[in-house]
């Protein structure tokens, strides 16, 4: 008998924030995968945290991280595709086998957009709510990135990242105005570039 197909779900977190990395997760569901998987944005923080523990304990996964410096160099679209590629490579390493297909949330795949992408892929709009493997990836990516931003907030407490996770909240924008950008800010994003200019002028 041929081996069962290994179909991965992939999603990302952190495309829109002004600071921090973009993070992608790739997941192959295991037999003990939890019920009730859904788009991470539709779940309460408590439910998402519980599901993350269950997913990590029952499924194979890989996490791909692309730094703010890389985002500035590549642009956010390419950086997202690179994060997905890194996640997929780590997943296959964890499995000890190549995945047969990747289901990706959205309308684009990394094929032709990330040099090291090598797997058949299908983009599914709204996949994080309709495909359990993508839902699981959505949960892992968000929880992983949120944890990174909470850790970064300890070193850069003035921006409130433990609350806004690097998104352009009023609190974050005011901190940018007062303190200027940190090393973790994305200088290719217009609000950060503007804040850097304004902060330099004020000083």
N, C-alpha and C. Protein backbone atom coordinates (compact mmCIF):
# COMPACT_ATOMS: atom_id res chain seq x y z
N UNK A 1 0.83 -1.20 0.00
CA UNK A 1 0.00 0.00 0.00
C UNK A 1 0.87 1.25 0.00
N UNK A 2 0.48 2.26 -0.79
CA UNK A 2 1.23 3.51 -0.76
C UNK A 2 1.03 4.21 0.58
N UNK A 3 2.01 5.00 1.00
CA UNK A 3 1.84 5.71 2.28
C UNK A 3 0.69 6.71 2.20
N UNK A 4 0.06 6.96 3.33
CA UNK A 4 -1.04 7.94 3.37
C UNK A 4 -0.50 9.32 3.02
N UNK A 5 -1.29 10.11 2.29
CA UNK A 5 -0.83 11.46 1.95
C UNK A 5 -0.63 12.30 3.20
N UNK A 6 0.39 13.12 3.17
CA UNK A 6 0.67 14.04 4.28
C UNK A 6 0.28 15.45 3.82
N UNK A 7 -0.89 15.88 4.23
CA UNK A 7 -1.40 17.18 3.81
C UNK A 7 -1.22 18.17 4.95
N UNK A 8 -0.48 19.23 4.69
CA UNK A 8 -0.21 20.25 5.70
C UNK A 8 -1.15 21.42 5.53
N UNK A 9 -1.52 22.01 6.66
CA UNK A 9 -2.21 23.30 6.66
C UNK A 9 -1.23 24.37 7.06
N UNK A 10 -1.30 25.53 6.40
CA UNK A 10 -0.36 26.62 6.68
C UNK A 10 -1.12 27.93 6.84
N UNK A 11 -0.71 28.70 7.84
CA UNK A 11 -1.24 30.05 8.02
C UNK A 11 -0.16 30.90 8.67
N UNK A 12 -0.36 32.21 8.61
CA UNK A 12 0.61 33.14 9.19
C UNK A 12 -0.07 34.07 10.18
N UNK A 13 0.76 34.71 11.00
CA UNK A 13 0.31 35.75 11.92
C UNK A 13 1.32 36.88 11.87
N UNK A 14 0.81 38.10 11.87
CA UNK A 14 1.72 39.25 11.96
C UNK A 14 2.07 39.90 10.65
N UNK A 15 1.16 39.84 9.68
CA UNK A 15 1.45 40.53 8.42
C UNK A 15 1.30 42.05 8.59
N UNK A 16 0.35 42.49 9.42
CA UNK A 16 0.02 43.89 9.50
C UNK A 16 0.69 44.74 10.57
N UNK A 17 1.26 44.17 11.63
CA UNK A 17 1.83 44.99 12.69
C UNK A 17 2.98 45.88 12.23
N UNK A 18 3.26 46.89 13.06
CA UNK A 18 4.36 47.82 12.78
C UNK A 18 5.67 47.34 13.38
N UNK A 19 5.60 46.33 14.25
CA UNK A 19 6.80 45.83 14.92
C UNK A 19 6.71 44.32 15.08
N UNK A 20 7.90 43.71 15.19
CA UNK A 20 7.97 42.28 15.43
C UNK A 20 8.02 41.46 14.15
N UNK A 21 8.20 40.16 14.30
CA UNK A 21 8.34 39.27 13.15
C UNK A 21 7.01 38.91 12.53
N UNK A 22 7.06 38.32 11.35
CA UNK A 22 5.93 37.58 10.81
C UNK A 22 6.21 36.11 11.06
N UNK A 23 5.19 35.38 11.50
CA UNK A 23 5.35 33.98 11.92
C UNK A 23 4.36 33.12 11.14
N UNK A 24 4.83 32.01 10.62
CA UNK A 24 3.96 31.05 9.95
C UNK A 24 4.06 29.71 10.65
N UNK A 25 2.96 28.97 10.61
CA UNK A 25 2.95 27.60 11.13
C UNK A 25 2.48 26.65 10.04
N UNK A 26 3.05 25.47 10.01
CA UNK A 26 2.62 24.40 9.11
C UNK A 26 2.30 23.19 9.98
N UNK A 27 1.13 22.60 9.77
CA UNK A 27 0.64 21.54 10.65
C UNK A 27 0.11 20.37 9.84
N UNK A 28 0.49 19.16 10.21
CA UNK A 28 -0.18 17.94 9.77
C UNK A 28 -0.92 17.38 10.97
N UNK A 29 -2.23 17.26 10.86
CA UNK A 29 -3.04 16.82 11.98
C UNK A 29 -2.74 15.38 12.34
N UNK A 30 -2.63 15.11 13.64
CA UNK A 30 -2.47 13.75 14.12
C UNK A 30 -3.81 13.14 14.48
N UNK A 31 -3.81 11.85 14.82
CA UNK A 31 -5.06 11.17 15.15
C UNK A 31 -5.74 11.75 16.38
N UNK A 32 -4.94 12.31 17.28
CA UNK A 32 -5.50 12.88 18.49
C UNK A 32 -5.75 14.37 18.41
N UNK A 33 -5.83 14.91 17.20
CA UNK A 33 -6.03 16.36 17.03
C UNK A 33 -7.32 16.80 17.71
N UNK A 34 -7.32 17.95 18.36
CA UNK A 34 -8.50 18.38 19.11
C UNK A 34 -9.67 18.74 18.21
N UNK A 35 -10.87 18.60 18.74
CA UNK A 35 -12.07 19.07 18.05
C UNK A 35 -12.22 20.56 18.30
N UNK A 36 -13.07 21.19 17.50
CA UNK A 36 -13.36 22.61 17.71
C UNK A 36 -12.34 23.56 17.15
N UNK A 37 -11.52 23.09 16.20
CA UNK A 37 -10.54 23.98 15.57
C UNK A 37 -11.26 25.00 14.70
N UNK A 38 -10.75 26.25 14.73
CA UNK A 38 -11.37 27.32 13.96
C UNK A 38 -10.32 28.40 13.72
N UNK A 39 -10.69 29.38 12.91
CA UNK A 39 -9.85 30.55 12.69
C UNK A 39 -9.47 31.13 14.06
N UNK A 40 -8.18 31.35 14.27
CA UNK A 40 -7.71 31.82 15.58
C UNK A 40 -8.38 33.13 15.99
N UNK A 41 -8.72 33.96 15.02
CA UNK A 41 -9.33 35.27 15.33
C UNK A 41 -10.75 35.12 15.88
N UNK A 42 -11.37 33.98 15.66
CA UNK A 42 -12.74 33.76 16.14
C UNK A 42 -12.77 33.10 17.53
N UNK A 43 -11.62 32.74 18.05
CA UNK A 43 -11.56 32.03 19.32
C UNK A 43 -11.18 32.99 20.45
N UNK A 44 -11.68 32.72 21.63
CA UNK A 44 -11.26 33.50 22.79
C UNK A 44 -9.80 33.17 23.10
N UNK A 45 -9.14 34.09 23.79
CA UNK A 45 -7.73 33.87 24.13
C UNK A 45 -7.57 32.60 24.96
N UNK A 46 -8.50 32.35 25.86
CA UNK A 46 -8.43 31.17 26.72
C UNK A 46 -8.58 29.88 25.90
N UNK A 47 -9.56 29.88 25.00
CA UNK A 47 -9.80 28.70 24.15
C UNK A 47 -8.61 28.45 23.22
N UNK A 48 -8.07 29.53 22.67
CA UNK A 48 -6.94 29.41 21.76
C UNK A 48 -5.73 28.83 22.48
N UNK A 49 -5.48 29.29 23.70
CA UNK A 49 -4.34 28.79 24.46
C UNK A 49 -4.48 27.30 24.76
N UNK A 50 -5.69 26.87 25.10
CA UNK A 50 -5.92 25.45 25.37
C UNK A 50 -5.72 24.61 24.11
N UNK A 51 -6.26 25.10 23.00
CA UNK A 51 -6.11 24.36 21.74
C UNK A 51 -4.65 24.28 21.32
N UNK A 52 -3.89 25.34 21.56
CA UNK A 52 -2.48 25.32 21.18
C UNK A 52 -1.76 24.16 21.88
N UNK A 53 -1.99 24.01 23.16
CA UNK A 53 -1.35 22.92 23.91
C UNK A 53 -1.74 21.56 23.33
N UNK A 54 -3.03 21.41 22.99
CA UNK A 54 -3.51 20.14 22.44
C UNK A 54 -2.93 19.88 21.05
N UNK A 55 -2.84 20.92 20.24
CA UNK A 55 -2.27 20.76 18.89
C UNK A 55 -0.81 20.35 18.99
N UNK A 56 -0.07 21.03 19.83
CA UNK A 56 1.36 20.73 19.95
C UNK A 56 1.60 19.33 20.50
N UNK A 57 0.64 18.82 21.28
CA UNK A 57 0.80 17.49 21.84
C UNK A 57 0.33 16.37 20.94
N UNK A 58 -0.42 16.70 19.87
CA UNK A 58 -1.01 15.63 19.06
C UNK A 58 -0.69 15.72 17.56
N UNK A 59 -0.09 16.81 17.12
CA UNK A 59 0.13 17.03 15.69
C UNK A 59 1.60 17.31 15.40
N UNK A 60 2.01 17.06 14.17
CA UNK A 60 3.34 17.46 13.71
C UNK A 60 3.26 18.90 13.21
N UNK A 61 4.28 19.70 13.54
CA UNK A 61 4.22 21.10 13.12
C UNK A 61 5.62 21.67 12.94
N UNK A 62 5.68 22.76 12.20
CA UNK A 62 6.90 23.56 12.05
C UNK A 62 6.53 25.02 12.15
N UNK A 63 7.40 25.83 12.73
CA UNK A 63 7.16 27.26 12.89
C UNK A 63 8.25 28.02 12.14
N UNK A 64 7.85 28.91 11.24
CA UNK A 64 8.80 29.74 10.50
C UNK A 64 8.70 31.18 10.94
N UNK A 65 9.85 31.79 11.23
CA UNK A 65 9.90 33.17 11.72
C UNK A 65 10.76 34.00 10.78
N UNK A 66 10.26 35.17 10.40
CA UNK A 66 11.03 36.12 9.59
C UNK A 66 11.12 37.43 10.39
N UNK A 67 12.33 37.91 10.59
CA UNK A 67 12.58 39.05 11.47
C UNK A 67 12.17 40.37 10.82
N UNK A 68 12.04 41.43 11.64
CA UNK A 68 11.74 42.75 11.07
C UNK A 68 12.78 43.21 10.04
N UNK A 69 14.06 42.90 10.31
CA UNK A 69 15.10 43.29 9.35
C UNK A 69 14.89 42.61 8.00
N UNK A 70 14.52 41.34 8.05
CA UNK A 70 14.26 40.61 6.80
C UNK A 70 13.02 41.16 6.10
N UNK A 71 11.98 41.50 6.89
CA UNK A 71 10.77 42.08 6.31
C UNK A 71 11.12 43.36 5.56
N UNK A 72 11.95 44.22 6.17
CA UNK A 72 12.34 45.47 5.53
C UNK A 72 13.12 45.22 4.25
N UNK A 73 13.92 44.17 4.25
CA UNK A 73 14.73 43.88 3.06
C UNK A 73 13.91 43.24 1.94
N UNK A 74 12.97 42.37 2.30
CA UNK A 74 12.26 41.56 1.30
C UNK A 74 10.94 42.19 0.84
N UNK A 75 10.24 42.85 1.70
CA UNK A 75 8.86 43.35 1.68
C UNK A 75 7.98 42.31 2.39
N UNK A 76 6.86 42.74 2.90
CA UNK A 76 6.07 41.88 3.79
C UNK A 76 5.46 40.68 3.06
N UNK A 77 5.08 40.85 1.79
CA UNK A 77 4.51 39.70 1.06
C UNK A 77 5.54 38.59 0.92
N UNK A 78 6.72 38.93 0.42
CA UNK A 78 7.76 37.91 0.23
C UNK A 78 8.18 37.34 1.58
N UNK A 79 8.28 38.20 2.61
CA UNK A 79 8.64 37.72 3.94
C UNK A 79 7.65 36.69 4.46
N UNK A 80 6.36 36.93 4.20
CA UNK A 80 5.33 35.97 4.61
C UNK A 80 5.52 34.64 3.91
N UNK A 81 5.83 34.67 2.62
CA UNK A 81 6.04 33.45 1.86
C UNK A 81 7.29 32.71 2.34
N UNK A 82 8.32 33.45 2.72
CA UNK A 82 9.53 32.83 3.27
C UNK A 82 9.23 32.18 4.62
N UNK A 83 8.42 32.85 5.45
CA UNK A 83 8.04 32.26 6.75
C UNK A 83 7.30 30.94 6.53
N UNK A 84 6.39 30.90 5.56
CA UNK A 84 5.66 29.67 5.25
C UNK A 84 6.61 28.57 4.78
N UNK A 85 7.59 28.95 3.97
CA UNK A 85 8.56 27.98 3.46
C UNK A 85 9.40 27.40 4.60
N UNK A 86 9.82 28.26 5.50
CA UNK A 86 10.61 27.79 6.66
C UNK A 86 9.77 26.87 7.54
N UNK A 87 8.51 27.23 7.74
CA UNK A 87 7.63 26.39 8.56
C UNK A 87 7.45 25.02 7.93
N UNK A 88 7.25 25.01 6.62
CA UNK A 88 7.02 23.75 5.91
C UNK A 88 8.28 22.87 5.96
N UNK A 89 9.44 23.46 5.79
CA UNK A 89 10.69 22.69 5.83
C UNK A 89 10.89 22.07 7.21
N UNK A 90 10.59 22.83 8.27
CA UNK A 90 10.74 22.30 9.63
C UNK A 90 9.70 21.22 9.93
N UNK A 91 8.49 21.38 9.37
CA UNK A 91 7.48 20.33 9.53
C UNK A 91 7.94 19.03 8.89
N UNK A 92 8.43 19.11 7.66
CA UNK A 92 8.90 17.90 6.97
C UNK A 92 10.06 17.26 7.71
N UNK A 93 10.91 18.10 8.30
CA UNK A 93 12.02 17.58 9.10
C UNK A 93 11.49 16.83 10.32
N UNK A 94 10.46 17.40 10.95
CA UNK A 94 9.86 16.75 12.13
C UNK A 94 9.20 15.43 11.76
N UNK A 95 8.58 15.39 10.58
CA UNK A 95 7.91 14.18 10.10
C UNK A 95 8.90 13.12 9.60
N UNK A 96 10.05 13.59 9.17
CA UNK A 96 10.99 12.69 8.51
C UNK A 96 10.51 12.26 7.15
N UNK A 97 9.67 13.09 6.52
CA UNK A 97 9.11 12.78 5.21
C UNK A 97 8.64 14.07 4.55
N UNK A 98 8.54 14.02 3.23
CA UNK A 98 8.03 15.18 2.50
C UNK A 98 6.50 15.20 2.52
N UNK A 99 5.92 16.36 2.74
CA UNK A 99 4.47 16.50 2.63
C UNK A 99 4.05 16.39 1.16
N UNK A 100 2.87 15.83 0.93
CA UNK A 100 2.38 15.66 -0.43
C UNK A 100 1.65 16.89 -0.95
N UNK A 101 1.12 17.72 -0.03
CA UNK A 101 0.41 18.92 -0.44
C UNK A 101 0.36 19.89 0.73
N UNK A 102 0.31 21.18 0.41
CA UNK A 102 0.12 22.21 1.42
C UNK A 102 -1.16 22.98 1.10
N UNK A 103 -2.03 23.13 2.09
CA UNK A 103 -3.23 23.95 1.98
C UNK A 103 -2.94 25.25 2.71
N UNK A 104 -3.06 26.35 2.00
CA UNK A 104 -2.61 27.63 2.52
C UNK A 104 -3.77 28.61 2.60
N UNK A 105 -3.92 29.25 3.76
CA UNK A 105 -4.99 30.24 3.90
C UNK A 105 -4.70 31.46 3.01
N UNK A 106 -5.73 31.92 2.31
CA UNK A 106 -5.57 33.10 1.47
C UNK A 106 -5.71 32.79 0.00
N UNK A 107 -5.19 33.69 -0.83
CA UNK A 107 -5.31 33.52 -2.28
C UNK A 107 -3.97 33.40 -2.99
N UNK A 108 -2.88 33.27 -2.23
CA UNK A 108 -1.55 33.14 -2.83
C UNK A 108 -0.80 31.99 -2.17
N UNK A 109 0.10 31.38 -2.93
CA UNK A 109 0.99 30.37 -2.37
C UNK A 109 2.43 30.85 -2.54
N UNK A 110 3.38 30.25 -1.81
CA UNK A 110 4.78 30.66 -1.96
C UNK A 110 5.42 30.21 -3.28
N UNK A 111 4.72 29.40 -4.07
CA UNK A 111 5.29 28.92 -5.33
C UNK A 111 5.65 30.12 -6.22
N UNK A 112 6.94 30.21 -6.59
CA UNK A 112 7.42 31.32 -7.41
C UNK A 112 7.67 32.60 -6.63
N UNK A 113 7.37 32.60 -5.34
CA UNK A 113 7.58 33.80 -4.51
C UNK A 113 8.63 33.59 -3.43
N UNK A 114 8.97 32.34 -3.15
CA UNK A 114 10.03 32.00 -2.19
C UNK A 114 10.90 30.94 -2.85
N UNK A 115 12.17 31.23 -2.97
CA UNK A 115 13.06 30.40 -3.79
C UNK A 115 13.10 28.94 -3.34
N UNK A 116 12.97 28.68 -2.04
CA UNK A 116 13.15 27.32 -1.54
C UNK A 116 11.84 26.53 -1.42
N UNK A 117 10.73 27.13 -1.84
CA UNK A 117 9.46 26.40 -1.79
C UNK A 117 9.48 25.26 -2.80
N UNK A 118 9.07 24.04 -2.38
CA UNK A 118 9.21 22.88 -3.27
C UNK A 118 8.00 21.92 -3.23
N UNK A 119 6.89 22.32 -2.64
CA UNK A 119 5.77 21.41 -2.45
C UNK A 119 4.55 21.83 -3.27
N UNK A 120 3.74 20.86 -3.73
CA UNK A 120 2.45 21.23 -4.34
C UNK A 120 1.62 22.01 -3.32
N UNK A 121 0.96 23.05 -3.78
CA UNK A 121 0.24 23.91 -2.84
C UNK A 121 -1.07 24.40 -3.43
N UNK A 122 -2.03 24.60 -2.54
CA UNK A 122 -3.33 25.13 -2.95
C UNK A 122 -3.76 26.21 -1.98
N UNK A 123 -4.07 27.38 -2.51
CA UNK A 123 -4.54 28.49 -1.68
C UNK A 123 -6.05 28.36 -1.49
N UNK A 124 -6.52 28.59 -0.27
CA UNK A 124 -7.94 28.49 0.04
C UNK A 124 -8.36 29.76 0.79
N UNK A 125 -9.17 30.58 0.14
CA UNK A 125 -9.67 31.79 0.80
C UNK A 125 -10.60 31.37 1.94
N UNK A 126 -10.35 31.90 3.13
CA UNK A 126 -11.13 31.51 4.30
C UNK A 126 -10.79 30.14 4.82
N UNK A 127 -9.64 29.61 4.41
CA UNK A 127 -9.25 28.26 4.81
C UNK A 127 -9.04 28.10 6.30
N UNK A 128 -8.70 29.20 6.99
CA UNK A 128 -8.48 29.09 8.43
C UNK A 128 -9.77 28.78 9.19
N UNK A 129 -10.91 28.97 8.53
CA UNK A 129 -12.18 28.62 9.16
C UNK A 129 -12.82 27.37 8.61
N UNK A 130 -12.27 26.85 7.49
CA UNK A 130 -12.93 25.72 6.83
C UNK A 130 -12.08 24.45 6.79
N UNK A 131 -10.77 24.59 6.89
CA UNK A 131 -9.87 23.43 6.85
C UNK A 131 -9.20 23.26 8.21
N UNK A 132 -9.50 22.17 8.92
CA UNK A 132 -8.96 22.02 10.28
C UNK A 132 -7.44 22.15 10.37
N UNK A 133 -6.70 21.65 9.39
CA UNK A 133 -5.24 21.75 9.47
C UNK A 133 -4.79 23.21 9.37
N UNK A 134 -5.48 23.99 8.55
CA UNK A 134 -5.15 25.42 8.47
C UNK A 134 -5.56 26.12 9.76
N UNK A 135 -6.72 25.75 10.31
CA UNK A 135 -7.14 26.32 11.60
C UNK A 135 -6.08 26.07 12.67
N UNK A 136 -5.57 24.85 12.72
CA UNK A 136 -4.53 24.52 13.70
C UNK A 136 -3.29 25.38 13.47
N UNK A 137 -2.91 25.57 12.21
CA UNK A 137 -1.75 26.42 11.89
C UNK A 137 -2.02 27.87 12.30
N UNK A 138 -3.23 28.32 12.08
CA UNK A 138 -3.62 29.68 12.47
C UNK A 138 -3.44 29.89 13.97
N UNK A 139 -3.87 28.91 14.75
CA UNK A 139 -3.77 28.99 16.21
C UNK A 139 -2.30 28.99 16.65
N UNK A 140 -1.51 28.06 16.11
CA UNK A 140 -0.10 27.98 16.50
C UNK A 140 0.64 29.25 16.12
N UNK A 141 0.42 29.76 14.91
CA UNK A 141 1.15 30.95 14.46
C UNK A 141 0.82 32.14 15.35
N UNK A 142 -0.44 32.32 15.66
CA UNK A 142 -0.83 33.47 16.50
C UNK A 142 -0.28 33.35 17.91
N UNK A 143 -0.43 32.19 18.51
CA UNK A 143 0.05 32.01 19.88
C UNK A 143 1.58 32.16 19.95
N UNK A 144 2.27 31.63 18.97
CA UNK A 144 3.74 31.70 18.95
C UNK A 144 4.18 33.15 18.83
N UNK A 145 3.54 33.88 17.90
CA UNK A 145 3.93 35.29 17.70
C UNK A 145 3.56 36.14 18.91
N UNK A 146 2.37 35.93 19.46
CA UNK A 146 1.96 36.69 20.65
C UNK A 146 2.96 36.50 21.78
N UNK A 147 3.42 35.26 21.98
CA UNK A 147 4.41 34.99 23.03
C UNK A 147 5.72 35.73 22.75
N UNK A 148 6.13 35.78 21.49
CA UNK A 148 7.35 36.50 21.13
C UNK A 148 7.21 37.99 21.43
N UNK A 149 6.02 38.56 21.15
CA UNK A 149 5.82 39.98 21.38
C UNK A 149 5.73 40.30 22.88
N UNK A 150 5.16 39.40 23.66
CA UNK A 150 5.12 39.61 25.11
C UNK A 150 6.54 39.57 25.68
N UNK A 151 7.38 38.68 25.14
CA UNK A 151 8.77 38.62 25.58
C UNK A 151 9.52 39.88 25.16
N UNK A 152 9.28 40.35 23.94
CA UNK A 152 9.93 41.58 23.45
C UNK A 152 9.50 42.79 24.28
N UNK A 153 8.26 42.76 24.80
CA UNK A 153 7.76 43.87 25.60
C UNK A 153 8.54 44.04 26.89
N UNK A 154 9.15 42.98 27.39
CA UNK A 154 9.96 43.08 28.60
C UNK A 154 11.20 43.95 28.36
N UNK A 155 11.72 43.89 27.14
CA UNK A 155 12.91 44.66 26.78
C UNK A 155 12.55 46.06 26.30
N UNK A 156 11.34 46.20 25.74
CA UNK A 156 10.89 47.50 25.21
C UNK A 156 9.50 47.81 25.77
N UNK A 157 9.41 48.07 27.07
CA UNK A 157 8.09 48.17 27.71
C UNK A 157 7.27 49.38 27.30
N UNK A 158 7.91 50.39 26.71
CA UNK A 158 7.19 51.64 26.44
C UNK A 158 6.12 51.52 25.34
N UNK A 159 6.16 50.46 24.54
CA UNK A 159 5.23 50.36 23.40
C UNK A 159 3.96 49.57 23.67
N UNK A 160 3.89 48.91 24.84
CA UNK A 160 2.69 48.15 25.17
C UNK A 160 2.46 46.92 24.32
N UNK A 161 3.54 46.28 23.87
CA UNK A 161 3.39 45.13 22.95
C UNK A 161 2.68 43.95 23.59
N UNK A 162 2.74 43.85 24.92
CA UNK A 162 2.03 42.75 25.57
C UNK A 162 0.51 42.90 25.39
N UNK A 163 0.08 44.11 25.07
CA UNK A 163 -1.35 44.37 24.81
C UNK A 163 -1.67 44.46 23.32
N UNK A 164 -0.84 45.21 22.57
CA UNK A 164 -1.18 45.45 21.15
C UNK A 164 -0.45 44.53 20.17
N UNK A 165 0.52 43.75 20.66
CA UNK A 165 1.27 42.76 19.85
C UNK A 165 1.96 43.40 18.63
N UNK A 166 2.23 44.70 18.72
CA UNK A 166 2.94 45.38 17.63
C UNK A 166 2.03 46.05 16.62
N UNK A 167 0.73 45.86 16.75
CA UNK A 167 -0.20 46.55 15.84
C UNK A 167 -0.26 48.03 16.19
N UNK A 168 -0.74 48.83 15.25
CA UNK A 168 -0.73 50.28 15.38
C UNK A 168 -1.86 50.84 16.22
N UNK A 169 -1.96 50.42 17.45
CA UNK A 169 -2.97 50.95 18.36
C UNK A 169 -2.64 52.39 18.71
N UNK A 170 -3.60 53.09 19.30
CA UNK A 170 -3.35 54.47 19.72
C UNK A 170 -2.18 54.53 20.70
N UNK A 171 -2.16 53.57 21.64
CA UNK A 171 -1.07 53.50 22.61
C UNK A 171 0.28 53.33 21.92
N UNK A 172 0.34 52.44 20.96
CA UNK A 172 1.59 52.18 20.24
C UNK A 172 2.02 53.40 19.43
N UNK A 173 1.08 54.03 18.74
CA UNK A 173 1.41 55.19 17.92
C UNK A 173 1.92 56.34 18.78
N UNK A 174 1.31 56.53 19.96
CA UNK A 174 1.77 57.59 20.86
C UNK A 174 3.18 57.29 21.38
N UNK A 175 3.46 56.03 21.66
CA UNK A 175 4.80 55.64 22.12
C UNK A 175 5.83 55.85 21.02
N UNK A 176 5.44 55.56 19.78
CA UNK A 176 6.35 55.82 18.65
C UNK A 176 6.68 57.31 18.56
N UNK A 177 5.66 58.14 18.77
CA UNK A 177 5.87 59.59 18.70
C UNK A 177 6.82 60.06 19.80
N UNK A 178 6.66 59.50 21.00
CA UNK A 178 7.44 59.93 22.16
C UNK A 178 8.85 59.36 22.18
N UNK A 179 8.99 58.10 21.74
CA UNK A 179 10.26 57.38 21.92
C UNK A 179 10.97 57.05 20.60
N UNK A 180 10.28 57.21 19.48
CA UNK A 180 10.85 56.79 18.21
C UNK A 180 10.82 55.27 18.08
N UNK A 181 11.22 54.74 16.92
CA UNK A 181 11.18 53.29 16.71
C UNK A 181 12.27 52.54 17.47
N UNK A 182 11.96 51.31 17.81
CA UNK A 182 12.92 50.39 18.42
C UNK A 182 13.59 49.56 17.33
N UNK A 183 14.58 48.75 17.67
CA UNK A 183 15.19 47.85 16.67
C UNK A 183 14.20 46.83 16.10
N UNK A 184 13.08 46.58 16.79
CA UNK A 184 12.12 45.59 16.32
C UNK A 184 11.03 46.20 15.44
N UNK A 185 11.07 47.50 15.20
CA UNK A 185 10.07 48.11 14.33
C UNK A 185 10.43 47.89 12.85
N UNK A 186 9.39 47.83 12.04
CA UNK A 186 9.54 47.62 10.60
C UNK A 186 9.66 48.98 9.91
N UNK A 187 10.87 49.34 9.55
CA UNK A 187 11.10 50.67 9.00
C UNK A 187 10.59 50.84 7.58
N UNK A 188 10.23 49.74 6.93
CA UNK A 188 9.63 49.83 5.59
C UNK A 188 8.14 50.13 5.66
N UNK A 189 7.56 50.13 6.86
CA UNK A 189 6.15 50.46 7.03
C UNK A 189 6.03 51.97 7.24
N UNK A 190 5.12 52.59 6.50
CA UNK A 190 5.04 54.05 6.46
C UNK A 190 4.90 54.71 7.83
N UNK A 191 4.04 54.23 8.74
CA UNK A 191 3.93 54.91 10.03
C UNK A 191 5.23 54.90 10.83
N UNK A 192 6.01 53.84 10.69
CA UNK A 192 7.29 53.76 11.41
C UNK A 192 8.30 54.71 10.77
N UNK A 193 8.37 54.72 9.45
CA UNK A 193 9.29 55.62 8.75
C UNK A 193 8.96 57.07 9.09
N UNK A 194 7.67 57.39 9.13
CA UNK A 194 7.25 58.76 9.47
C UNK A 194 7.62 59.10 10.91
N UNK A 195 7.39 58.15 11.82
CA UNK A 195 7.72 58.38 13.23
C UNK A 195 9.22 58.58 13.41
N UNK A 196 10.02 57.83 12.66
CA UNK A 196 11.47 57.97 12.76
C UNK A 196 11.90 59.36 12.29
N UNK A 197 11.30 59.83 11.20
CA UNK A 197 11.60 61.17 10.71
C UNK A 197 11.19 62.24 11.72
N UNK A 198 9.97 62.10 12.23
CA UNK A 198 9.45 63.10 13.18
C UNK A 198 10.27 63.11 14.47
N UNK A 199 10.63 61.93 14.97
CA UNK A 199 11.39 61.82 16.20
C UNK A 199 12.77 62.45 16.03
N UNK A 200 13.37 62.20 14.87
CA UNK A 200 14.67 62.80 14.59
C UNK A 200 14.60 64.32 14.51
N UNK A 201 13.52 64.83 13.97
CA UNK A 201 13.33 66.28 13.86
C UNK A 201 13.12 66.91 15.23
N UNK A 202 12.32 66.22 16.08
CA UNK A 202 12.04 66.73 17.42
C UNK A 202 13.32 66.81 18.24
N UNK A 203 14.16 65.77 18.13
CA UNK A 203 15.40 65.75 18.90
C UNK A 203 16.37 66.79 18.39
